[in-house]
Amino acid sequence: MRLFVGLAVDDAVKETLERLTLRLCAKDDGLRWSTPDQWHVTLVFLGEVDDGKRARLVRELGTVLQSALTMRMERLGVFERAGILYAEVEVSAELLRLYEFVAAAVRRVGLGIEERPYRAHITLARSRNRDGRKAIEPLRRLAEQQRLSVRWEAKEFLLYESQLSPGGSRYVVRERFALSE
């Protein structure tokens, strides 16, 4: 199973992002635009995980104790090399602590994680090919002009399965973990 741990995005955030992406997307722009049902904030991407490690991971994630988080999103950004347009999520002290707790749980199971600074974001569009990267550059200027003032409360984190298909990924929630005292 191809897995990752993340935070869901609430309906009000989805509505805001949907209005924004409708203004930004253009026909034949070389980008694959994500749909609201795909929007989430990844904490840790795991990749392929066998059933035994998955069961151990669920137990370890169940030991993570943290209160609900206030999530903030204020601007758009571009990962130019990867050809990705994203909504940037503020990495608060509470979000960073949750990331570290989840990463520690993942390591205890013997799974690896990326060794680079954590950048919380919601992927809005990604390039289909090299032409898509060209389409990202004009979006950079538009993204810099967008100001969002969006907040939501994350009351749980989720273990998702990423099911790949020719039409794009489909994300299925496999486990839920409450964020509470």
N, C-alpha and C. Protein backbone atom coordinates (compact mmCIF):
# COMPACT_ATOMS: atom_id res chain seq x y z
N MET A 1 0.83 -1.17 0.00
CA MET A 1 0.00 0.00 0.00
C MET A 1 0.88 1.25 0.00
N ARG A 2 0.53 2.23 -0.80
CA ARG A 2 1.26 3.50 -0.86
C ARG A 2 0.59 4.46 0.14
N LEU A 3 1.33 4.86 1.18
CA LEU A 3 0.72 5.59 2.30
C LEU A 3 1.38 6.93 2.56
N PHE A 4 0.62 7.82 3.21
CA PHE A 4 1.17 9.05 3.78
C PHE A 4 0.29 9.47 4.94
N VAL A 5 0.85 10.30 5.81
CA VAL A 5 0.13 10.83 6.96
C VAL A 5 -0.11 12.31 6.69
N GLY A 6 -1.34 12.77 6.92
CA GLY A 6 -1.64 14.16 6.63
C GLY A 6 -2.80 14.70 7.44
N LEU A 7 -3.12 15.95 7.13
CA LEU A 7 -4.22 16.66 7.76
C LEU A 7 -5.24 17.01 6.68
N ALA A 8 -6.50 16.83 7.00
CA ALA A 8 -7.57 17.17 6.06
C ALA A 8 -7.76 18.69 6.02
N VAL A 9 -8.36 19.13 4.95
CA VAL A 9 -8.69 20.55 4.76
C VAL A 9 -10.20 20.68 4.88
N ASP A 10 -10.67 21.65 5.67
CA ASP A 10 -12.11 21.75 5.87
C ASP A 10 -12.83 22.37 4.67
N ASP A 11 -14.15 22.30 4.68
CA ASP A 11 -14.95 22.73 3.52
C ASP A 11 -14.79 24.21 3.19
N ALA A 12 -14.68 25.07 4.19
CA ALA A 12 -14.52 26.50 3.94
C ALA A 12 -13.20 26.77 3.21
N VAL A 13 -12.15 26.07 3.58
CA VAL A 13 -10.86 26.22 2.90
C VAL A 13 -10.97 25.72 1.47
N LYS A 14 -11.64 24.60 1.29
CA LYS A 14 -11.82 24.06 -0.06
C LYS A 14 -12.56 25.05 -0.95
N GLU A 15 -13.60 25.69 -0.42
CA GLU A 15 -14.35 26.68 -1.21
C GLU A 15 -13.46 27.85 -1.61
N THR A 16 -12.65 28.34 -0.68
CA THR A 16 -11.74 29.45 -0.97
C THR A 16 -10.74 29.05 -2.05
N LEU A 17 -10.13 27.89 -1.90
CA LEU A 17 -9.14 27.43 -2.88
C LEU A 17 -9.77 27.12 -4.23
N GLU A 18 -10.98 26.61 -4.20
CA GLU A 18 -11.66 26.30 -5.47
C GLU A 18 -11.93 27.58 -6.25
N ARG A 19 -12.41 28.63 -5.59
CA ARG A 19 -12.64 29.92 -6.27
C ARG A 19 -11.33 30.45 -6.84
N LEU A 20 -10.27 30.34 -6.07
CA LEU A 20 -8.97 30.83 -6.50
C LEU A 20 -8.44 30.05 -7.70
N THR A 21 -8.51 28.74 -7.65
CA THR A 21 -7.96 27.94 -8.76
C THR A 21 -8.79 28.11 -10.03
N LEU A 22 -10.08 28.35 -9.90
CA LEU A 22 -10.90 28.60 -11.09
C LEU A 22 -10.45 29.88 -11.79
N ARG A 23 -9.98 30.85 -11.03
CA ARG A 23 -9.47 32.09 -11.63
C ARG A 23 -8.10 31.90 -12.27
N LEU A 24 -7.32 30.98 -11.74
CA LEU A 24 -5.94 30.82 -12.20
C LEU A 24 -5.78 29.83 -13.35
N CYS A 25 -6.61 28.81 -13.41
CA CYS A 25 -6.40 27.76 -14.41
C CYS A 25 -6.85 28.23 -15.80
N ALA A 26 -6.15 27.72 -16.78
CA ALA A 26 -6.47 28.04 -18.17
C ALA A 26 -6.46 26.75 -18.98
N LYS A 27 -7.25 26.73 -20.02
CA LYS A 27 -7.32 25.56 -20.88
C LYS A 27 -5.95 25.32 -21.53
N ASP A 28 -5.56 24.06 -21.58
CA ASP A 28 -4.29 23.67 -22.20
C ASP A 28 -3.09 24.38 -21.60
N ASP A 29 -3.10 24.58 -20.27
CA ASP A 29 -1.98 25.27 -19.62
C ASP A 29 -0.83 24.33 -19.27
N GLY A 30 -0.97 23.04 -19.58
CA GLY A 30 0.09 22.09 -19.29
C GLY A 30 0.15 21.66 -17.83
N LEU A 31 -0.90 21.99 -17.09
CA LEU A 31 -0.94 21.64 -15.67
C LEU A 31 -2.06 20.67 -15.37
N ARG A 32 -1.85 19.83 -14.37
CA ARG A 32 -2.91 18.98 -13.85
C ARG A 32 -3.36 19.63 -12.55
N TRP A 33 -4.57 20.15 -12.55
CA TRP A 33 -5.10 20.84 -11.40
C TRP A 33 -5.71 19.84 -10.43
N SER A 34 -5.34 19.94 -9.18
CA SER A 34 -5.89 19.07 -8.15
C SER A 34 -7.34 19.44 -7.90
N THR A 35 -8.10 18.47 -7.47
CA THR A 35 -9.50 18.71 -7.14
C THR A 35 -9.65 18.80 -5.62
N PRO A 36 -10.72 19.44 -5.15
CA PRO A 36 -10.89 19.61 -3.70
C PRO A 36 -10.80 18.31 -2.90
N ASP A 37 -11.24 17.20 -3.46
CA ASP A 37 -11.17 15.94 -2.71
C ASP A 37 -9.73 15.44 -2.56
N GLN A 38 -8.78 16.04 -3.28
CA GLN A 38 -7.37 15.66 -3.17
C GLN A 38 -6.60 16.58 -2.22
N TRP A 39 -7.18 17.69 -1.83
CA TRP A 39 -6.44 18.67 -1.03
C TRP A 39 -6.25 18.21 0.40
N HIS A 40 -5.02 18.31 0.87
CA HIS A 40 -4.63 17.91 2.22
C HIS A 40 -3.27 18.54 2.50
N VAL A 41 -2.86 18.47 3.74
CA VAL A 41 -1.51 18.90 4.14
C VAL A 41 -0.76 17.64 4.54
N THR A 42 0.26 17.28 3.78
CA THR A 42 1.04 16.09 4.10
C THR A 42 1.94 16.37 5.30
N LEU A 43 1.94 15.44 6.24
CA LEU A 43 2.90 15.49 7.34
C LEU A 43 4.13 14.67 6.97
N VAL A 44 3.92 13.39 6.61
CA VAL A 44 5.02 12.50 6.23
C VAL A 44 4.54 11.59 5.10
N PHE A 45 5.31 11.57 4.01
CA PHE A 45 5.03 10.64 2.91
C PHE A 45 5.82 9.36 3.19
N LEU A 46 5.15 8.21 3.07
CA LEU A 46 5.77 6.94 3.41
C LEU A 46 6.11 6.08 2.20
N GLY A 47 5.37 6.20 1.13
CA GLY A 47 5.56 5.31 -0.01
C GLY A 47 4.95 3.94 0.25
N GLU A 48 5.51 2.93 -0.39
CA GLU A 48 4.99 1.57 -0.25
C GLU A 48 5.27 1.01 1.14
N VAL A 49 4.22 0.50 1.79
CA VAL A 49 4.34 -0.06 3.14
C VAL A 49 3.59 -1.39 3.16
N ASP A 50 4.27 -2.44 3.66
CA ASP A 50 3.59 -3.75 3.72
C ASP A 50 2.61 -3.78 4.89
N ASP A 51 1.75 -4.80 4.91
CA ASP A 51 0.69 -4.89 5.92
C ASP A 51 1.22 -4.97 7.35
N GLY A 52 2.33 -5.67 7.55
CA GLY A 52 2.89 -5.79 8.89
C GLY A 52 3.35 -4.45 9.43
N LYS A 53 4.09 -3.72 8.63
CA LYS A 53 4.56 -2.40 9.07
C LYS A 53 3.40 -1.42 9.19
N ARG A 54 2.41 -1.58 8.33
CA ARG A 54 1.23 -0.71 8.41
C ARG A 54 0.53 -0.88 9.76
N ALA A 55 0.36 -2.12 10.20
CA ALA A 55 -0.29 -2.38 11.49
C ALA A 55 0.53 -1.79 12.64
N ARG A 56 1.85 -1.94 12.58
CA ARG A 56 2.72 -1.36 13.61
C ARG A 56 2.65 0.17 13.57
N LEU A 57 2.59 0.72 12.37
CA LEU A 57 2.51 2.17 12.22
C LEU A 57 1.23 2.71 12.85
N VAL A 58 0.12 2.04 12.61
CA VAL A 58 -1.16 2.47 13.19
C VAL A 58 -1.06 2.49 14.72
N ARG A 59 -0.45 1.46 15.30
CA ARG A 59 -0.28 1.44 16.76
C ARG A 59 0.58 2.61 17.23
N GLU A 60 1.68 2.86 16.53
CA GLU A 60 2.58 3.95 16.93
C GLU A 60 1.91 5.32 16.77
N LEU A 61 1.21 5.50 15.67
CA LEU A 61 0.52 6.79 15.47
C LEU A 61 -0.55 7.01 16.52
N GLY A 62 -1.13 5.93 17.00
CA GLY A 62 -2.14 6.03 18.05
C GLY A 62 -1.58 6.54 19.37
N THR A 63 -0.27 6.52 19.54
CA THR A 63 0.35 7.02 20.78
C THR A 63 0.65 8.51 20.72
N VAL A 64 0.46 9.14 19.57
CA VAL A 64 0.74 10.58 19.42
C VAL A 64 -0.33 11.37 20.17
N LEU A 65 0.10 12.19 21.11
CA LEU A 65 -0.82 13.00 21.90
C LEU A 65 -0.51 14.48 21.66
N GLN A 66 -1.49 15.17 21.13
CA GLN A 66 -1.37 16.60 20.91
C GLN A 66 -2.77 17.18 20.77
N SER A 67 -2.92 18.43 21.14
CA SER A 67 -4.23 19.08 21.03
C SER A 67 -4.48 19.51 19.60
N ALA A 68 -5.73 19.88 19.32
CA ALA A 68 -6.12 20.35 17.99
C ALA A 68 -5.26 21.55 17.60
N LEU A 69 -5.08 21.73 16.29
CA LEU A 69 -4.21 22.77 15.76
C LEU A 69 -5.01 23.83 15.02
N THR A 70 -4.61 25.07 15.16
CA THR A 70 -5.13 26.12 14.29
C THR A 70 -4.19 26.22 13.11
N MET A 71 -4.71 25.97 11.93
CA MET A 71 -3.92 26.00 10.70
C MET A 71 -4.14 27.35 10.02
N ARG A 72 -3.07 27.89 9.42
CA ARG A 72 -3.15 29.19 8.75
C ARG A 72 -2.54 29.08 7.36
N MET A 73 -3.25 29.68 6.42
CA MET A 73 -2.79 29.71 5.03
C MET A 73 -2.93 31.15 4.56
N GLU A 74 -1.82 31.75 4.10
CA GLU A 74 -1.87 33.16 3.77
C GLU A 74 -1.39 33.52 2.38
N ARG A 75 -0.72 32.59 1.70
CA ARG A 75 -0.23 32.93 0.36
C ARG A 75 -0.03 31.69 -0.50
N LEU A 76 0.18 31.93 -1.77
CA LEU A 76 0.49 30.86 -2.71
C LEU A 76 1.99 30.87 -2.98
N GLY A 77 2.48 29.76 -3.48
CA GLY A 77 3.88 29.67 -3.84
C GLY A 77 4.07 28.69 -4.97
N VAL A 78 5.31 28.60 -5.43
CA VAL A 78 5.66 27.73 -6.55
C VAL A 78 6.93 26.96 -6.21
N PHE A 79 6.89 25.65 -6.40
CA PHE A 79 8.11 24.84 -6.40
C PHE A 79 8.48 24.73 -7.87
N GLU A 80 9.36 25.60 -8.31
CA GLU A 80 9.62 25.72 -9.75
C GLU A 80 10.22 24.45 -10.35
N ARG A 81 11.24 23.89 -9.70
CA ARG A 81 11.88 22.69 -10.25
C ARG A 81 10.90 21.54 -10.41
N ALA A 82 10.01 21.40 -9.45
CA ALA A 82 9.02 20.31 -9.50
C ALA A 82 7.81 20.70 -10.34
N GLY A 83 7.66 21.97 -10.68
CA GLY A 83 6.52 22.41 -11.47
C GLY A 83 5.22 22.33 -10.68
N ILE A 84 5.23 22.84 -9.45
CA ILE A 84 4.05 22.74 -8.57
C ILE A 84 3.63 24.12 -8.08
N LEU A 85 2.32 24.39 -8.17
CA LEU A 85 1.71 25.56 -7.56
C LEU A 85 1.06 25.07 -6.26
N TYR A 86 1.29 25.79 -5.16
CA TYR A 86 0.76 25.33 -3.88
C TYR A 86 0.26 26.50 -3.04
N ALA A 87 -0.58 26.17 -2.07
CA ALA A 87 -1.00 27.11 -1.04
C ALA A 87 -0.11 26.82 0.17
N GLU A 88 0.59 27.83 0.61
CA GLU A 88 1.52 27.66 1.73
C GLU A 88 0.77 27.67 3.06
N VAL A 89 1.08 26.69 3.89
CA VAL A 89 0.49 26.59 5.22
C VAL A 89 1.58 26.95 6.23
N GLU A 90 1.25 27.85 7.14
CA GLU A 90 2.21 28.29 8.14
C GLU A 90 2.62 27.11 9.02
N VAL A 91 3.92 26.95 9.21
CA VAL A 91 4.43 25.90 10.07
C VAL A 91 4.58 26.50 11.48
N SER A 92 3.49 26.43 12.23
CA SER A 92 3.48 26.92 13.61
C SER A 92 4.27 25.97 14.49
N ALA A 93 4.54 26.39 15.72
CA ALA A 93 5.24 25.52 16.67
C ALA A 93 4.44 24.25 16.90
N GLU A 94 3.11 24.37 16.96
CA GLU A 94 2.25 23.20 17.20
C GLU A 94 2.28 22.24 16.02
N LEU A 95 2.24 22.78 14.80
CA LEU A 95 2.30 21.92 13.62
C LEU A 95 3.65 21.24 13.51
N LEU A 96 4.72 21.97 13.79
CA LEU A 96 6.05 21.37 13.75
C LEU A 96 6.18 20.27 14.80
N ARG A 97 5.61 20.47 15.97
CA ARG A 97 5.64 19.44 17.02
C ARG A 97 4.89 18.19 16.55
N LEU A 98 3.71 18.37 15.93
CA LEU A 98 2.97 17.22 15.42
C LEU A 98 3.79 16.49 14.36
N TYR A 99 4.39 17.24 13.44
CA TYR A 99 5.25 16.64 12.42
C TYR A 99 6.34 15.80 13.08
N GLU A 100 7.00 16.34 14.10
CA GLU A 100 8.09 15.63 14.76
C GLU A 100 7.59 14.37 15.47
N PHE A 101 6.43 14.44 16.11
CA PHE A 101 5.86 13.26 16.77
C PHE A 101 5.53 12.17 15.74
N VAL A 102 4.92 12.57 14.62
CA VAL A 102 4.58 11.61 13.57
C VAL A 102 5.85 11.02 12.96
N ALA A 103 6.84 11.87 12.68
CA ALA A 103 8.10 11.38 12.12
C ALA A 103 8.77 10.38 13.06
N ALA A 104 8.73 10.65 14.35
CA ALA A 104 9.33 9.73 15.32
C ALA A 104 8.58 8.39 15.32
N ALA A 105 7.25 8.43 15.24
CA ALA A 105 6.46 7.19 15.18
C ALA A 105 6.82 6.39 13.93
N VAL A 106 6.99 7.08 12.81
CA VAL A 106 7.35 6.42 11.55
C VAL A 106 8.72 5.76 11.67
N ARG A 107 9.66 6.47 12.26
CA ARG A 107 11.01 5.91 12.42
C ARG A 107 11.01 4.69 13.34
N ARG A 108 10.19 4.71 14.40
CA ARG A 108 10.13 3.56 15.32
C ARG A 108 9.68 2.29 14.61
N VAL A 109 8.91 2.45 13.56
CA VAL A 109 8.43 1.30 12.78
C VAL A 109 9.51 0.83 11.79
N GLY A 110 10.53 1.65 11.59
CA GLY A 110 11.60 1.29 10.67
C GLY A 110 11.39 1.82 9.26
N LEU A 111 10.52 2.81 9.13
CA LEU A 111 10.29 3.43 7.83
C LEU A 111 11.09 4.73 7.74
N GLY A 112 11.56 5.05 6.57
CA GLY A 112 12.33 6.27 6.38
C GLY A 112 11.45 7.45 6.03
N ILE A 113 11.98 8.64 6.29
CA ILE A 113 11.29 9.86 5.89
C ILE A 113 12.31 10.77 5.20
N GLU A 114 11.80 11.74 4.46
CA GLU A 114 12.68 12.68 3.77
C GLU A 114 13.46 13.49 4.79
N GLU A 115 14.73 13.68 4.54
CA GLU A 115 15.57 14.43 5.47
C GLU A 115 15.78 15.84 4.93
N ARG A 116 14.71 16.61 4.90
CA ARG A 116 14.79 18.01 4.53
C ARG A 116 13.80 18.78 5.38
N PRO A 117 13.97 20.09 5.48
CA PRO A 117 13.07 20.86 6.34
C PRO A 117 11.60 20.67 5.93
N TYR A 118 10.74 20.63 6.93
CA TYR A 118 9.31 20.44 6.69
C TYR A 118 8.70 21.71 6.13
N ARG A 119 7.97 21.59 5.01
CA ARG A 119 7.26 22.71 4.39
C ARG A 119 5.82 22.28 4.19
N ALA A 120 4.94 22.83 5.00
CA ALA A 120 3.52 22.47 4.92
C ALA A 120 2.89 23.22 3.76
N HIS A 121 2.14 22.50 2.95
CA HIS A 121 1.49 23.12 1.80
C HIS A 121 0.35 22.23 1.29
N ILE A 122 -0.47 22.83 0.44
CA ILE A 122 -1.54 22.12 -0.25
C ILE A 122 -1.25 22.24 -1.73
N THR A 123 -1.03 21.14 -2.41
CA THR A 123 -0.73 21.17 -3.85
C THR A 123 -2.00 21.50 -4.63
N LEU A 124 -1.91 22.55 -5.43
CA LEU A 124 -3.06 22.98 -6.25
C LEU A 124 -2.93 22.53 -7.69
N ALA A 125 -1.72 22.55 -8.23
CA ALA A 125 -1.50 22.14 -9.62
C ALA A 125 -0.07 21.65 -9.77
N ARG A 126 0.11 20.72 -10.69
CA ARG A 126 1.46 20.23 -11.00
C ARG A 126 1.60 20.10 -12.51
N SER A 127 2.81 20.26 -12.98
CA SER A 127 3.03 20.21 -14.42
C SER A 127 2.83 18.80 -14.93
N ARG A 128 2.25 18.73 -16.12
CA ARG A 128 2.05 17.43 -16.79
C ARG A 128 3.35 17.00 -17.47
N ASN A 129 4.12 17.97 -17.88
CA ASN A 129 5.35 17.73 -18.63
C ASN A 129 6.22 18.98 -18.56
N ARG A 130 7.23 19.06 -19.38
CA ARG A 130 8.12 20.23 -19.37
C ARG A 130 7.39 21.52 -19.72
N ASP A 131 6.38 21.43 -20.59
CA ASP A 131 5.61 22.63 -20.93
C ASP A 131 4.87 23.16 -19.71
N GLY A 132 4.47 22.27 -18.83
CA GLY A 132 3.79 22.69 -17.61
C GLY A 132 4.68 23.53 -16.73
N ARG A 133 5.99 23.22 -16.73
CA ARG A 133 6.92 24.05 -15.96
C ARG A 133 6.97 25.46 -16.51
N LYS A 134 6.83 25.59 -17.81
CA LYS A 134 6.76 26.93 -18.40
C LYS A 134 5.50 27.64 -17.95
N ALA A 135 4.42 26.90 -17.77
CA ALA A 135 3.16 27.50 -17.33
C ALA A 135 3.24 27.94 -15.87
N ILE A 136 4.11 27.31 -15.10
CA ILE A 136 4.25 27.68 -13.69
C ILE A 136 4.84 29.07 -13.54
N GLU A 137 5.75 29.47 -14.41
CA GLU A 137 6.42 30.77 -14.26
C GLU A 137 5.44 31.95 -14.26
N PRO A 138 4.49 32.05 -15.21
CA PRO A 138 3.53 33.15 -15.13
C PRO A 138 2.65 33.06 -13.87
N LEU A 139 2.40 31.84 -13.41
CA LEU A 139 1.60 31.68 -12.20
C LEU A 139 2.36 32.18 -10.97
N ARG A 140 3.68 32.15 -11.03
CA ARG A 140 4.48 32.66 -9.91
C ARG A 140 4.11 34.12 -9.63
N ARG A 141 4.04 34.92 -10.67
CA ARG A 141 3.69 36.34 -10.49
C ARG A 141 2.28 36.49 -9.95
N LEU A 142 1.35 35.72 -10.50
CA LEU A 142 -0.02 35.78 -9.99
C LEU A 142 -0.09 35.28 -8.55
N ALA A 143 0.66 34.24 -8.24
CA ALA A 143 0.65 33.68 -6.89
C ALA A 143 1.16 34.70 -5.88
N GLU A 144 2.20 35.43 -6.26
CA GLU A 144 2.76 36.43 -5.34
C GLU A 144 1.78 37.55 -5.04
N GLN A 145 0.83 37.78 -5.94
CA GLN A 145 -0.15 38.84 -5.75
C GLN A 145 -1.34 38.39 -4.90
N GLN A 146 -1.51 37.11 -4.73
CA GLN A 146 -2.66 36.58 -3.99
C GLN A 146 -2.39 36.63 -2.49
N ARG A 147 -3.30 37.16 -1.76
CA ARG A 147 -3.23 37.15 -0.30
C ARG A 147 -4.44 36.39 0.22
N LEU A 148 -4.17 35.39 0.99
CA LEU A 148 -5.22 34.58 1.59
C LEU A 148 -5.19 34.84 3.08
N SER A 149 -6.32 34.84 3.69
CA SER A 149 -6.38 34.91 5.14
C SER A 149 -7.33 33.80 5.57
N VAL A 150 -6.80 32.59 5.55
CA VAL A 150 -7.62 31.41 5.80
C VAL A 150 -7.11 30.69 7.03
N ARG A 151 -8.04 30.35 7.90
CA ARG A 151 -7.70 29.59 9.11
C ARG A 151 -8.72 28.46 9.26
N TRP A 152 -8.25 27.36 9.79
CA TRP A 152 -9.16 26.27 10.13
C TRP A 152 -8.55 25.48 11.27
N GLU A 153 -9.37 24.69 11.90
CA GLU A 153 -8.89 23.88 13.02
C GLU A 153 -8.78 22.43 12.58
N ALA A 154 -7.62 21.87 12.80
CA ALA A 154 -7.39 20.45 12.53
C ALA A 154 -7.61 19.70 13.84
N LYS A 155 -8.61 18.83 13.85
CA LYS A 155 -8.95 18.08 15.07
C LYS A 155 -8.49 16.63 15.00
N GLU A 156 -7.88 16.27 13.86
CA GLU A 156 -7.39 14.91 13.70
C GLU A 156 -6.31 14.90 12.62
N PHE A 157 -5.49 13.86 12.65
CA PHE A 157 -4.59 13.60 11.53
C PHE A 157 -4.94 12.23 10.99
N LEU A 158 -4.57 11.99 9.75
CA LEU A 158 -5.08 10.83 9.02
C LEU A 158 -3.96 10.02 8.37
N LEU A 159 -4.18 8.72 8.28
CA LEU A 159 -3.33 7.86 7.48
C LEU A 159 -4.07 7.63 6.18
N TYR A 160 -3.48 8.10 5.08
CA TYR A 160 -4.09 8.00 3.76
C TYR A 160 -3.41 6.92 2.93
N GLU A 161 -4.19 6.30 2.08
CA GLU A 161 -3.64 5.46 1.01
C GLU A 161 -3.75 6.25 -0.28
N SER A 162 -2.67 6.29 -1.03
CA SER A 162 -2.65 6.96 -2.32
C SER A 162 -2.78 5.89 -3.40
N GLN A 163 -3.91 5.92 -4.10
CA GLN A 163 -4.17 4.95 -5.17
C GLN A 163 -3.91 5.64 -6.50
N LEU A 164 -2.90 5.16 -7.21
CA LEU A 164 -2.50 5.77 -8.48
C LEU A 164 -3.37 5.27 -9.63
N SER A 165 -3.68 6.18 -10.54
CA SER A 165 -4.42 5.82 -11.74
C SER A 165 -4.02 6.78 -12.85
N PRO A 166 -4.35 6.45 -14.12
CA PRO A 166 -4.00 7.35 -15.22
C PRO A 166 -4.61 8.74 -15.07
N GLY A 167 -5.75 8.84 -14.40
CA GLY A 167 -6.41 10.14 -14.22
C GLY A 167 -5.89 10.92 -13.02
N GLY A 168 -4.90 10.39 -12.31
CA GLY A 168 -4.37 11.05 -11.13
C GLY A 168 -4.57 10.20 -9.89
N SER A 169 -4.05 10.68 -8.80
CA SER A 169 -4.13 9.94 -7.54
C SER A 169 -5.49 10.12 -6.88
N ARG A 170 -5.90 9.08 -6.19
CA ARG A 170 -7.10 9.11 -5.36
C ARG A 170 -6.65 8.79 -3.95
N TYR A 171 -7.09 9.60 -2.99
CA TYR A 171 -6.66 9.43 -1.61
C TYR A 171 -7.80 8.86 -0.77
N VAL A 172 -7.50 7.75 -0.10
CA VAL A 172 -8.49 7.06 0.72
C VAL A 172 -8.01 7.08 2.17
N VAL A 173 -8.87 7.55 3.08
CA VAL A 173 -8.52 7.57 4.50
C VAL A 173 -8.57 6.14 5.03
N ARG A 174 -7.44 5.68 5.59
CA ARG A 174 -7.37 4.33 6.16
C ARG A 174 -7.50 4.33 7.68
N GLU A 175 -7.02 5.40 8.33
CA GLU A 175 -7.11 5.49 9.80
C GLU A 175 -7.22 6.97 10.18
N ARG A 176 -7.89 7.22 11.31
CA ARG A 176 -8.05 8.57 11.86
C ARG A 176 -7.48 8.59 13.26
N PHE A 177 -6.80 9.68 13.61
CA PHE A 177 -6.20 9.83 14.93
C PHE A 177 -6.59 11.19 15.48
N ALA A 178 -7.30 11.20 16.59
CA ALA A 178 -7.79 12.45 17.17
C ALA A 178 -6.65 13.28 17.73
N LEU A 179 -6.79 14.59 17.56
CA LEU A 179 -5.89 15.55 18.21
C LEU A 179 -6.65 16.13 19.39
N SER A 180 -6.25 15.72 20.58
CA SER A 180 -6.89 16.19 21.80
C SER A 180 -5.92 16.06 22.95
N GLU A 181 -6.25 16.70 24.05
CA GLU A 181 -5.36 16.64 25.22
C GLU A 181 -5.19 15.21 25.68
